[in-house]
N, C-alpha and C. Protein backbone atom coordinates (compact mmCIF):
# COMPACT_ATOMS: atom_id res chain seq x y z
N UNK A 1 -37.32 -53.87 104.74
CA UNK A 1 -37.00 -55.85 104.19
C UNK A 1 -36.90 -56.15 105.97
N UNK A 2 -37.42 -56.98 105.60
CA UNK A 2 -37.36 -58.04 107.27
C UNK A 2 -36.23 -58.80 107.52
N UNK A 3 -35.73 -58.50 108.84
CA UNK A 3 -34.41 -59.08 109.03
C UNK A 3 -34.27 -60.80 108.91
N UNK A 4 -33.12 -61.42 108.18
CA UNK A 4 -33.26 -62.59 108.72
C UNK A 4 -31.85 -63.30 108.62
N UNK A 5 -31.29 -64.33 109.32
CA UNK A 5 -30.36 -64.66 109.91
C UNK A 5 -29.23 -64.32 108.28
N UNK A 6 -28.14 -64.18 108.12
CA UNK A 6 -27.25 -63.94 106.66
C UNK A 6 -26.32 -64.52 107.26
N UNK A 7 -25.94 -65.58 106.42
CA UNK A 7 -24.62 -66.58 106.35
C UNK A 7 -23.82 -66.49 105.93
N UNK A 8 -22.72 -65.79 106.27
CA UNK A 8 -21.30 -65.29 106.01
C UNK A 8 -20.84 -66.34 104.64
N UNK A 9 -20.71 -67.46 104.83
CA UNK A 9 -20.36 -68.61 103.96
C UNK A 9 -20.89 -68.66 102.61
N UNK A 10 -22.33 -68.14 102.82
CA UNK A 10 -23.39 -68.27 101.63
C UNK A 10 -23.36 -67.27 100.87
N UNK A 11 -22.85 -66.01 101.47
CA UNK A 11 -22.62 -64.68 100.73
C UNK A 11 -21.25 -64.60 100.09
N UNK A 12 -20.42 -65.34 100.59
CA UNK A 12 -19.34 -65.55 100.02
C UNK A 12 -19.45 -66.50 98.40
N UNK A 13 -20.19 -67.33 98.90
CA UNK A 13 -20.60 -68.06 97.87
C UNK A 13 -21.31 -67.51 96.55
N UNK A 14 -22.44 -66.66 97.56
CA UNK A 14 -23.05 -66.21 96.31
C UNK A 14 -22.66 -65.23 95.26
N UNK A 15 -21.45 -64.64 95.94
CA UNK A 15 -20.17 -63.65 95.28
C UNK A 15 -19.27 -64.27 94.33
N UNK A 16 -19.25 -65.76 95.04
CA UNK A 16 -18.34 -66.58 93.55
C UNK A 16 -19.06 -66.83 92.63
N UNK A 17 -20.33 -66.47 92.77
CA UNK A 17 -21.18 -66.68 91.28
C UNK A 17 -21.73 -65.56 90.79
N UNK A 18 -20.80 -64.69 90.99
CA UNK A 18 -21.48 -63.19 90.54
C UNK A 18 -22.44 -62.42 90.63
N UNK A 19 -22.94 -62.54 92.17
CA UNK A 19 -24.14 -62.01 92.41
C UNK A 19 -23.26 -60.30 92.97
N UNK A 20 -24.13 -59.83 93.18
CA UNK A 20 -23.66 -58.36 93.36
C UNK A 20 -24.57 -58.22 94.70
N UNK A 21 -24.02 -57.04 95.66
CA UNK A 21 -24.84 -56.48 96.87
C UNK A 21 -26.32 -56.49 96.98
N UNK A 22 -26.62 -55.93 95.85
CA UNK A 22 -28.07 -56.07 96.17
C UNK A 22 -28.99 -57.12 95.90
N UNK A 23 -28.45 -58.16 94.75
CA UNK A 23 -29.17 -59.39 94.75
C UNK A 23 -28.33 -60.41 95.72
N UNK A 24 -27.54 -60.22 96.98
CA UNK A 24 -27.64 -60.96 97.77
C UNK A 24 -28.63 -60.46 99.14
N UNK A 25 -28.43 -59.21 99.24
CA UNK A 25 -29.46 -58.62 99.82
C UNK A 25 -30.69 -59.27 99.87
N UNK A 26 -30.80 -59.29 98.85
CA UNK A 26 -32.73 -59.63 98.47
C UNK A 26 -32.72 -61.14 98.67
N UNK A 27 -31.75 -62.06 98.29
CA UNK A 27 -31.74 -63.25 98.46
C UNK A 27 -32.00 -63.61 100.08
N UNK A 28 -31.40 -62.94 101.08
CA UNK A 28 -31.51 -63.30 102.41
C UNK A 28 -32.44 -62.12 103.02
N UNK A 29 -32.97 -61.33 101.95
CA UNK A 29 -34.25 -60.39 102.54
C UNK A 29 -33.73 -59.50 103.74
N UNK A 30 -32.47 -58.56 103.25
CA UNK A 30 -32.01 -57.66 103.93
C UNK A 30 -31.41 -56.55 103.03
N UNK A 31 -31.51 -55.47 103.81
CA UNK A 31 -30.88 -54.09 102.92
C UNK A 31 -29.51 -54.12 102.37
N UNK A 32 -29.34 -53.88 100.63
CA UNK A 32 -27.84 -54.19 100.35
C UNK A 32 -26.81 -53.50 101.19
N UNK A 33 -27.57 -52.45 101.87
CA UNK A 33 -26.45 -51.53 102.81
C UNK A 33 -26.06 -52.71 104.20
N UNK A 34 -26.85 -53.63 104.28
CA UNK A 34 -26.07 -54.48 105.44
C UNK A 34 -25.04 -55.42 105.09
N UNK A 35 -25.35 -55.81 103.90
CA UNK A 35 -24.39 -56.69 103.10
C UNK A 35 -23.60 -56.08 103.41
N UNK A 36 -23.27 -54.90 102.21
CA UNK A 36 -21.72 -54.21 102.73
C UNK A 36 -21.15 -53.79 103.68
N UNK A 37 -21.97 -53.45 104.90
CA UNK A 37 -21.26 -52.72 105.84
C UNK A 37 -20.92 -54.36 106.98
N UNK A 38 -21.77 -55.32 106.94
CA UNK A 38 -21.31 -56.06 107.97
C UNK A 38 -20.50 -57.52 107.05
N UNK A 39 -20.92 -57.76 105.60
CA UNK A 39 -20.15 -58.89 105.45
C UNK A 39 -19.17 -58.82 103.87
N UNK A 40 -18.56 -57.23 104.02
CA UNK A 40 -17.83 -56.79 102.98
C UNK A 40 -16.55 -57.71 102.69
N UNK A 41 -15.92 -58.26 103.68
CA UNK A 41 -14.88 -59.01 103.81
C UNK A 41 -15.43 -60.49 102.69
N UNK A 42 -16.05 -60.73 103.13
CA UNK A 42 -16.62 -62.48 102.51
C UNK A 42 -16.98 -61.99 100.99
N UNK A 43 -17.62 -60.91 100.95
CA UNK A 43 -18.13 -60.56 99.78
C UNK A 43 -16.55 -60.37 98.72
N UNK A 44 -16.11 -59.50 99.08
CA UNK A 44 -14.94 -59.48 98.30
C UNK A 44 -14.11 -60.94 98.03
N UNK A 45 -14.04 -61.27 99.06
CA UNK A 45 -13.14 -63.38 99.01
C UNK A 45 -13.88 -63.69 97.81
N UNK A 46 -15.16 -63.28 97.83
CA UNK A 46 -15.83 -64.52 97.01
C UNK A 46 -16.29 -63.61 95.58
N UNK A 47 -16.21 -62.94 95.11
CA UNK A 47 -15.72 -62.24 94.29
C UNK A 47 -14.22 -62.39 93.33
N UNK A 48 -13.19 -62.68 94.18
CA UNK A 48 -12.21 -62.89 93.85
C UNK A 48 -11.80 -64.62 93.53
N UNK A 49 -12.20 -65.16 94.67
CA UNK A 49 -12.56 -66.50 93.46
C UNK A 49 -13.24 -66.90 92.39
N UNK A 50 -14.22 -65.92 92.20
CA UNK A 50 -15.00 -65.58 90.84
C UNK A 50 -14.00 -65.84 89.61
N UNK A 51 -13.00 -64.22 89.99
CA UNK A 51 -11.84 -63.89 88.90
C UNK A 51 -11.17 -65.33 88.65
N UNK A 52 -10.72 -65.95 89.61
CA UNK A 52 -9.75 -66.89 89.55
C UNK A 52 -10.24 -68.29 88.84
N UNK A 53 -11.59 -68.46 88.60
CA UNK A 53 -11.73 -69.23 88.63
C UNK A 53 -12.20 -69.15 87.23
N UNK A 54 -12.98 -67.93 86.54
CA UNK A 54 -13.01 -67.48 85.36
C UNK A 54 -11.38 -67.58 84.33
N UNK A 55 -10.67 -66.85 84.81
CA UNK A 55 -8.99 -67.19 84.71
C UNK A 55 -8.63 -68.49 84.31
N UNK A 56 -8.60 -69.11 85.57
CA UNK A 56 -8.46 -70.65 84.95
C UNK A 56 -9.54 -71.42 83.97
N UNK A 57 -10.85 -70.89 83.95
CA UNK A 57 -11.24 -71.73 82.70
C UNK A 57 -11.03 -70.99 81.40
N UNK A 58 -10.82 -70.10 81.48
CA UNK A 58 -10.12 -69.35 80.32
C UNK A 58 -9.31 -69.81 79.93
N UNK A 59 -7.97 -70.11 80.71
CA UNK A 59 -6.69 -70.90 80.32
C UNK A 59 -6.98 -72.14 79.89
N UNK A 60 -7.78 -72.81 80.59
CA UNK A 60 -7.88 -74.41 79.81
C UNK A 60 -8.33 -74.34 78.85
N UNK A 61 -9.49 -73.41 78.11
CA UNK A 61 -10.04 -73.13 77.08
C UNK A 61 -8.87 -73.08 76.24
N UNK A 62 -8.06 -71.80 76.41
CA UNK A 62 -7.11 -71.58 75.19
C UNK A 62 -6.02 -72.48 75.32
N UNK A 63 -5.32 -73.23 76.46
CA UNK A 63 -4.05 -74.14 76.31
C UNK A 63 -4.48 -75.48 75.82
N UNK A 64 -5.64 -75.84 76.89
CA UNK A 64 -5.58 -77.62 76.62
C UNK A 64 -6.87 -77.70 75.50
N UNK A 65 -7.97 -76.51 75.49
CA UNK A 65 -8.76 -76.90 74.47
C UNK A 65 -8.31 -76.22 72.85
N UNK A 66 -7.39 -75.67 72.54
CA UNK A 66 -6.84 -74.84 71.80
C UNK A 66 -7.66 -74.24 70.62
N UNK A 67 -8.19 -73.21 72.13
CA UNK A 67 -9.29 -72.08 71.37
C UNK A 67 -8.51 -70.79 70.98
N UNK A 68 -8.38 -70.78 69.21
CA UNK A 68 -7.44 -69.07 68.85
C UNK A 68 -8.10 -68.50 69.56
N UNK A 69 -9.10 -68.06 69.71
CA UNK A 69 -9.81 -66.81 69.75
C UNK A 69 -9.20 -66.11 71.21
N UNK A 70 -9.37 -67.46 72.41
CA UNK A 70 -9.21 -67.49 73.49
C UNK A 70 -7.69 -66.76 73.91
N UNK A 71 -6.70 -67.77 73.19
CA UNK A 71 -5.68 -67.64 72.92
C UNK A 71 -5.17 -65.75 72.58
N UNK A 72 -5.78 -65.88 71.42
CA UNK A 72 -5.80 -64.19 71.05
C UNK A 72 -5.82 -63.36 72.19
N UNK A 73 -7.20 -63.52 72.85
CA UNK A 73 -8.20 -62.51 74.06
C UNK A 73 -6.80 -62.48 75.21
N UNK A 74 -6.43 -63.40 75.79
CA UNK A 74 -4.95 -63.71 76.91
C UNK A 74 -4.56 -63.04 76.32
N UNK A 75 -3.68 -63.02 75.02
CA UNK A 75 -2.62 -62.65 75.04
C UNK A 75 -2.18 -61.38 75.30
């Protein structure tokens, strides 16, 4: 794969959308190992952001939207 400039903020954003190392590498046209080695911190930060957003969405669904199934799942 050819080398291209990798934007660390975009790596974090893509990880926050749930993209894995392979998908992010393909997006930037670099090897997965390059993303793993150079952008691990950004990737992990993005994944944590995704988990937080997902938990918040589940909470809103369970409490504010009174979704019984989500309340059971979260219990």
